[in-house]
């Protein structure tokens, strides 16, 4: 089940989103996303659009100078690599 979810997620990401969906990224929506992420234990949020950082925030004691290990979280990256291949 997890493999299917990973495949579907990266299929959408790699095929790209419609420009109108990307145009809706605002500071307010980014702050809401950060609030959601922080409430679920997220450490950081980076929103990047048109080759520039639109929003960057940290929470739960994390910061831009702190390094963390993601251990088995790299499995998701390999899904994207397999799709790209």
N, C-alpha and C. Protein backbone atom coordinates (compact mmCIF):
# COMPACT_ATOMS: atom_id res chain seq x y z
N UNK A 1 0.81 -1.19 0.00
CA UNK A 1 0.00 0.00 0.00
C UNK A 1 0.86 1.26 0.00
N UNK A 2 1.93 1.25 0.81
CA UNK A 2 2.80 2.41 0.88
C UNK A 2 3.49 2.67 -0.45
N UNK A 3 3.84 1.61 -1.16
CA UNK A 3 4.50 1.77 -2.46
C UNK A 3 3.56 2.44 -3.45
N UNK A 4 2.31 2.06 -3.44
CA UNK A 4 1.32 2.65 -4.34
C UNK A 4 1.13 4.12 -4.02
N UNK A 5 1.02 4.46 -2.74
CA UNK A 5 0.86 5.86 -2.34
C UNK A 5 2.07 6.67 -2.76
N UNK A 6 3.26 6.12 -2.57
CA UNK A 6 4.49 6.80 -2.96
C UNK A 6 4.50 7.02 -4.47
N UNK A 7 4.16 6.01 -5.23
CA UNK A 7 4.13 6.10 -6.69
C UNK A 7 3.15 7.18 -7.14
N UNK A 8 1.96 7.18 -6.57
CA UNK A 8 0.95 8.17 -6.96
C UNK A 8 1.41 9.58 -6.62
N UNK A 9 1.98 9.78 -5.44
CA UNK A 9 2.44 11.10 -5.03
C UNK A 9 3.51 11.61 -5.99
N UNK A 10 4.52 10.82 -6.25
CA UNK A 10 5.61 11.28 -7.10
C UNK A 10 5.20 11.38 -8.56
N UNK A 11 4.21 10.61 -8.98
CA UNK A 11 3.71 10.75 -10.34
C UNK A 11 3.10 12.14 -10.53
N UNK A 12 2.35 12.59 -9.54
CA UNK A 12 1.75 13.92 -9.60
C UNK A 12 2.83 14.99 -9.56
N UNK A 13 3.80 14.84 -8.67
CA UNK A 13 4.87 15.83 -8.53
C UNK A 13 5.71 15.90 -9.80
N UNK A 14 6.08 14.76 -10.34
CA UNK A 14 6.96 14.76 -11.51
C UNK A 14 6.25 15.20 -12.79
N UNK A 15 4.96 14.99 -12.88
CA UNK A 15 4.25 15.45 -14.07
C UNK A 15 3.95 16.93 -13.99
N UNK A 16 4.07 17.49 -12.79
CA UNK A 16 3.89 18.93 -12.61
C UNK A 16 2.46 19.30 -12.28
N UNK A 17 2.34 20.41 -11.64
CA UNK A 17 1.03 20.93 -11.29
C UNK A 17 0.65 22.02 -12.27
N UNK A 18 -0.61 22.25 -12.42
CA UNK A 18 -1.09 23.31 -13.30
C UNK A 18 -0.64 24.65 -12.74
N UNK A 19 -0.27 25.59 -13.58
CA UNK A 19 0.25 26.88 -13.14
C UNK A 19 -0.70 27.62 -12.21
N UNK A 20 -2.00 27.48 -12.41
CA UNK A 20 -2.93 28.19 -11.54
C UNK A 20 -2.85 27.68 -10.12
N UNK A 21 -2.55 26.39 -9.94
CA UNK A 21 -2.39 25.85 -8.59
C UNK A 21 -1.16 26.44 -7.92
N UNK A 22 -0.09 26.63 -8.67
CA UNK A 22 1.12 27.20 -8.11
C UNK A 22 0.95 28.69 -7.82
N UNK A 23 0.13 29.37 -8.59
CA UNK A 23 -0.07 30.80 -8.39
C UNK A 23 -0.78 31.10 -7.08
N UNK A 24 -1.44 30.10 -6.49
CA UNK A 24 -2.18 30.30 -5.26
C UNK A 24 -1.31 30.27 -4.00
N UNK A 25 0.01 30.08 -4.14
CA UNK A 25 0.90 30.06 -2.98
C UNK A 25 1.06 31.49 -2.47
N UNK A 26 0.63 31.69 -1.21
CA UNK A 26 0.74 33.00 -0.58
C UNK A 26 1.42 32.84 0.77
N UNK A 27 1.80 33.95 1.36
CA UNK A 27 2.38 33.91 2.70
C UNK A 27 1.37 33.35 3.68
N UNK A 28 0.12 33.74 3.54
CA UNK A 28 -0.93 33.26 4.45
C UNK A 28 -1.10 31.74 4.33
N UNK A 29 -1.14 31.21 3.11
CA UNK A 29 -1.30 29.77 2.95
C UNK A 29 -0.06 29.02 3.42
N UNK A 30 1.11 29.63 3.24
CA UNK A 30 2.34 29.01 3.72
C UNK A 30 2.37 28.97 5.24
N UNK A 31 1.89 30.03 5.89
CA UNK A 31 1.83 30.05 7.36
C UNK A 31 0.86 28.99 7.87
N UNK A 32 -0.23 28.80 7.18
CA UNK A 32 -1.18 27.75 7.56
C UNK A 32 -0.55 26.37 7.42
N UNK A 33 0.21 26.17 6.35
CA UNK A 33 0.91 24.90 6.15
C UNK A 33 1.95 24.68 7.24
N UNK A 34 2.64 25.74 7.63
CA UNK A 34 3.63 25.64 8.71
C UNK A 34 2.96 25.29 10.03
N UNK A 35 1.83 25.91 10.30
CA UNK A 35 1.07 25.64 11.53
C UNK A 35 0.64 24.16 11.56
N UNK A 36 0.17 23.67 10.43
CA UNK A 36 -0.24 22.27 10.31
C UNK A 36 0.96 21.34 10.55
N UNK A 37 2.08 21.65 9.90
CA UNK A 37 3.28 20.84 10.03
C UNK A 37 3.79 20.83 11.47
N UNK A 38 3.89 21.99 12.09
CA UNK A 38 4.39 22.10 13.46
C UNK A 38 3.49 21.33 14.43
N UNK A 39 2.20 21.36 14.20
CA UNK A 39 1.26 20.65 15.05
C UNK A 39 1.38 19.15 14.98
N UNK A 40 2.03 18.66 13.94
CA UNK A 40 2.21 17.22 13.77
C UNK A 40 3.68 16.82 13.90
N UNK A 41 4.46 17.68 14.57
CA UNK A 41 5.86 17.33 14.85
C UNK A 41 6.83 17.71 13.76
N UNK A 42 6.39 18.46 12.76
CA UNK A 42 7.28 18.88 11.69
C UNK A 42 8.37 19.80 12.19
N UNK A 43 9.52 19.77 11.55
CA UNK A 43 10.65 20.58 11.97
C UNK A 43 10.85 21.83 11.13
N UNK A 44 10.51 21.75 9.86
CA UNK A 44 10.73 22.91 8.99
C UNK A 44 9.81 22.86 7.78
N UNK A 45 9.66 24.01 7.15
CA UNK A 45 8.88 24.10 5.92
C UNK A 45 9.59 25.06 4.98
N UNK A 46 9.82 24.62 3.78
CA UNK A 46 10.45 25.45 2.76
C UNK A 46 9.55 25.43 1.53
N UNK A 47 9.10 26.61 1.10
CA UNK A 47 8.27 26.73 -0.09
C UNK A 47 9.10 27.43 -1.14
N UNK A 48 9.29 26.74 -2.27
CA UNK A 48 10.15 27.24 -3.32
C UNK A 48 9.32 27.31 -4.61
N UNK A 49 9.28 28.49 -5.23
CA UNK A 49 8.51 28.67 -6.45
C UNK A 49 9.31 29.53 -7.43
N UNK A 50 9.33 29.13 -8.67
CA UNK A 50 10.04 29.87 -9.73
C UNK A 50 11.48 30.19 -9.34
N UNK A 51 12.19 29.17 -8.87
CA UNK A 51 13.61 29.28 -8.51
C UNK A 51 13.90 30.29 -7.41
N UNK A 52 12.95 30.53 -6.54
CA UNK A 52 13.20 31.40 -5.38
C UNK A 52 12.43 30.88 -4.18
N UNK A 53 12.98 31.16 -3.01
CA UNK A 53 12.33 30.75 -1.78
C UNK A 53 11.22 31.73 -1.46
N UNK A 54 10.01 31.23 -1.37
CA UNK A 54 8.83 32.05 -1.09
C UNK A 54 8.59 32.13 0.42
N UNK A 55 8.87 31.03 1.12
CA UNK A 55 8.58 30.97 2.55
C UNK A 55 9.51 29.95 3.19
N UNK A 56 10.05 30.29 4.36
CA UNK A 56 10.93 29.38 5.11
C UNK A 56 10.65 29.58 6.59
N UNK A 57 10.38 28.49 7.29
CA UNK A 57 10.09 28.58 8.72
C UNK A 57 10.51 27.30 9.42
N UNK A 58 10.77 27.42 10.71
CA UNK A 58 11.22 26.30 11.54
C UNK A 58 10.37 26.23 12.79
N UNK A 59 10.25 25.03 13.37
CA UNK A 59 9.45 24.86 14.57
C UNK A 59 9.99 23.72 15.41
N UNK A 60 9.39 23.56 16.58
CA UNK A 60 9.72 22.46 17.50
C UNK A 60 11.20 22.41 17.85
N UNK A 61 11.80 23.59 18.06
CA UNK A 61 13.20 23.68 18.46
C UNK A 61 14.20 23.50 17.35
N UNK A 62 13.74 23.40 16.13
CA UNK A 62 14.62 23.20 14.99
C UNK A 62 15.01 24.54 14.41
N UNK A 63 16.11 24.61 13.66
CA UNK A 63 16.54 25.85 13.04
C UNK A 63 17.39 25.58 11.81
N UNK A 64 17.74 26.62 11.06
CA UNK A 64 18.49 26.42 9.81
C UNK A 64 19.91 25.90 10.03
N UNK A 65 20.43 26.03 11.24
CA UNK A 65 21.79 25.57 11.51
C UNK A 65 21.84 24.20 12.19
N UNK A 66 20.72 23.57 12.35
CA UNK A 66 20.65 22.27 13.02
C UNK A 66 20.50 21.15 12.01
N UNK A 67 21.31 20.12 12.16
CA UNK A 67 21.30 18.97 11.25
C UNK A 67 20.53 17.83 11.92
N UNK A 68 19.73 17.14 11.14
CA UNK A 68 18.99 15.98 11.65
C UNK A 68 19.13 14.83 10.67
N UNK A 69 18.98 13.63 11.16
CA UNK A 69 19.06 12.43 10.32
C UNK A 69 17.64 11.97 9.99
N UNK A 70 17.46 11.54 8.77
CA UNK A 70 16.12 11.08 8.37
C UNK A 70 16.04 9.56 8.27
N UNK A 71 17.16 8.88 8.44
CA UNK A 71 17.22 7.43 8.46
C UNK A 71 16.42 6.80 7.33
N UNK A 72 15.38 6.04 7.64
CA UNK A 72 14.66 5.31 6.59
C UNK A 72 13.76 6.22 5.76
N UNK A 73 13.74 7.50 6.05
CA UNK A 73 12.96 8.44 5.25
C UNK A 73 13.46 8.55 3.82
N UNK A 74 14.66 8.07 3.56
CA UNK A 74 15.21 8.14 2.20
C UNK A 74 14.49 7.19 1.23
N UNK A 75 13.69 6.29 1.75
CA UNK A 75 12.95 5.37 0.87
C UNK A 75 12.08 6.15 -0.12
N UNK A 76 11.50 7.23 0.34
CA UNK A 76 10.67 8.05 -0.54
C UNK A 76 11.46 8.67 -1.68
N UNK A 77 12.71 9.02 -1.43
CA UNK A 77 13.53 9.60 -2.50
C UNK A 77 13.81 8.57 -3.58
N UNK A 78 13.97 7.33 -3.18
CA UNK A 78 14.23 6.28 -4.17
C UNK A 78 13.02 6.00 -5.05
N UNK A 79 11.84 6.23 -4.53
CA UNK A 79 10.62 6.12 -5.35
C UNK A 79 10.68 7.13 -6.49
N UNK A 80 11.07 8.37 -6.16
CA UNK A 80 11.18 9.41 -7.18
C UNK A 80 12.27 9.06 -8.18
N UNK A 81 13.37 8.52 -7.71
CA UNK A 81 14.47 8.12 -8.60
C UNK A 81 14.02 7.02 -9.56
N UNK A 82 13.24 6.07 -9.03
CA UNK A 82 12.74 4.98 -9.88
C UNK A 82 11.79 5.50 -10.94
N UNK A 83 10.93 6.43 -10.56
CA UNK A 83 9.99 7.02 -11.53
C UNK A 83 10.76 7.80 -12.59
N UNK A 84 11.76 8.57 -12.17
CA UNK A 84 12.54 9.38 -13.11
C UNK A 84 13.32 8.49 -14.06
N UNK A 85 13.78 7.34 -13.57
CA UNK A 85 14.55 6.42 -14.41
C UNK A 85 13.66 5.82 -15.47
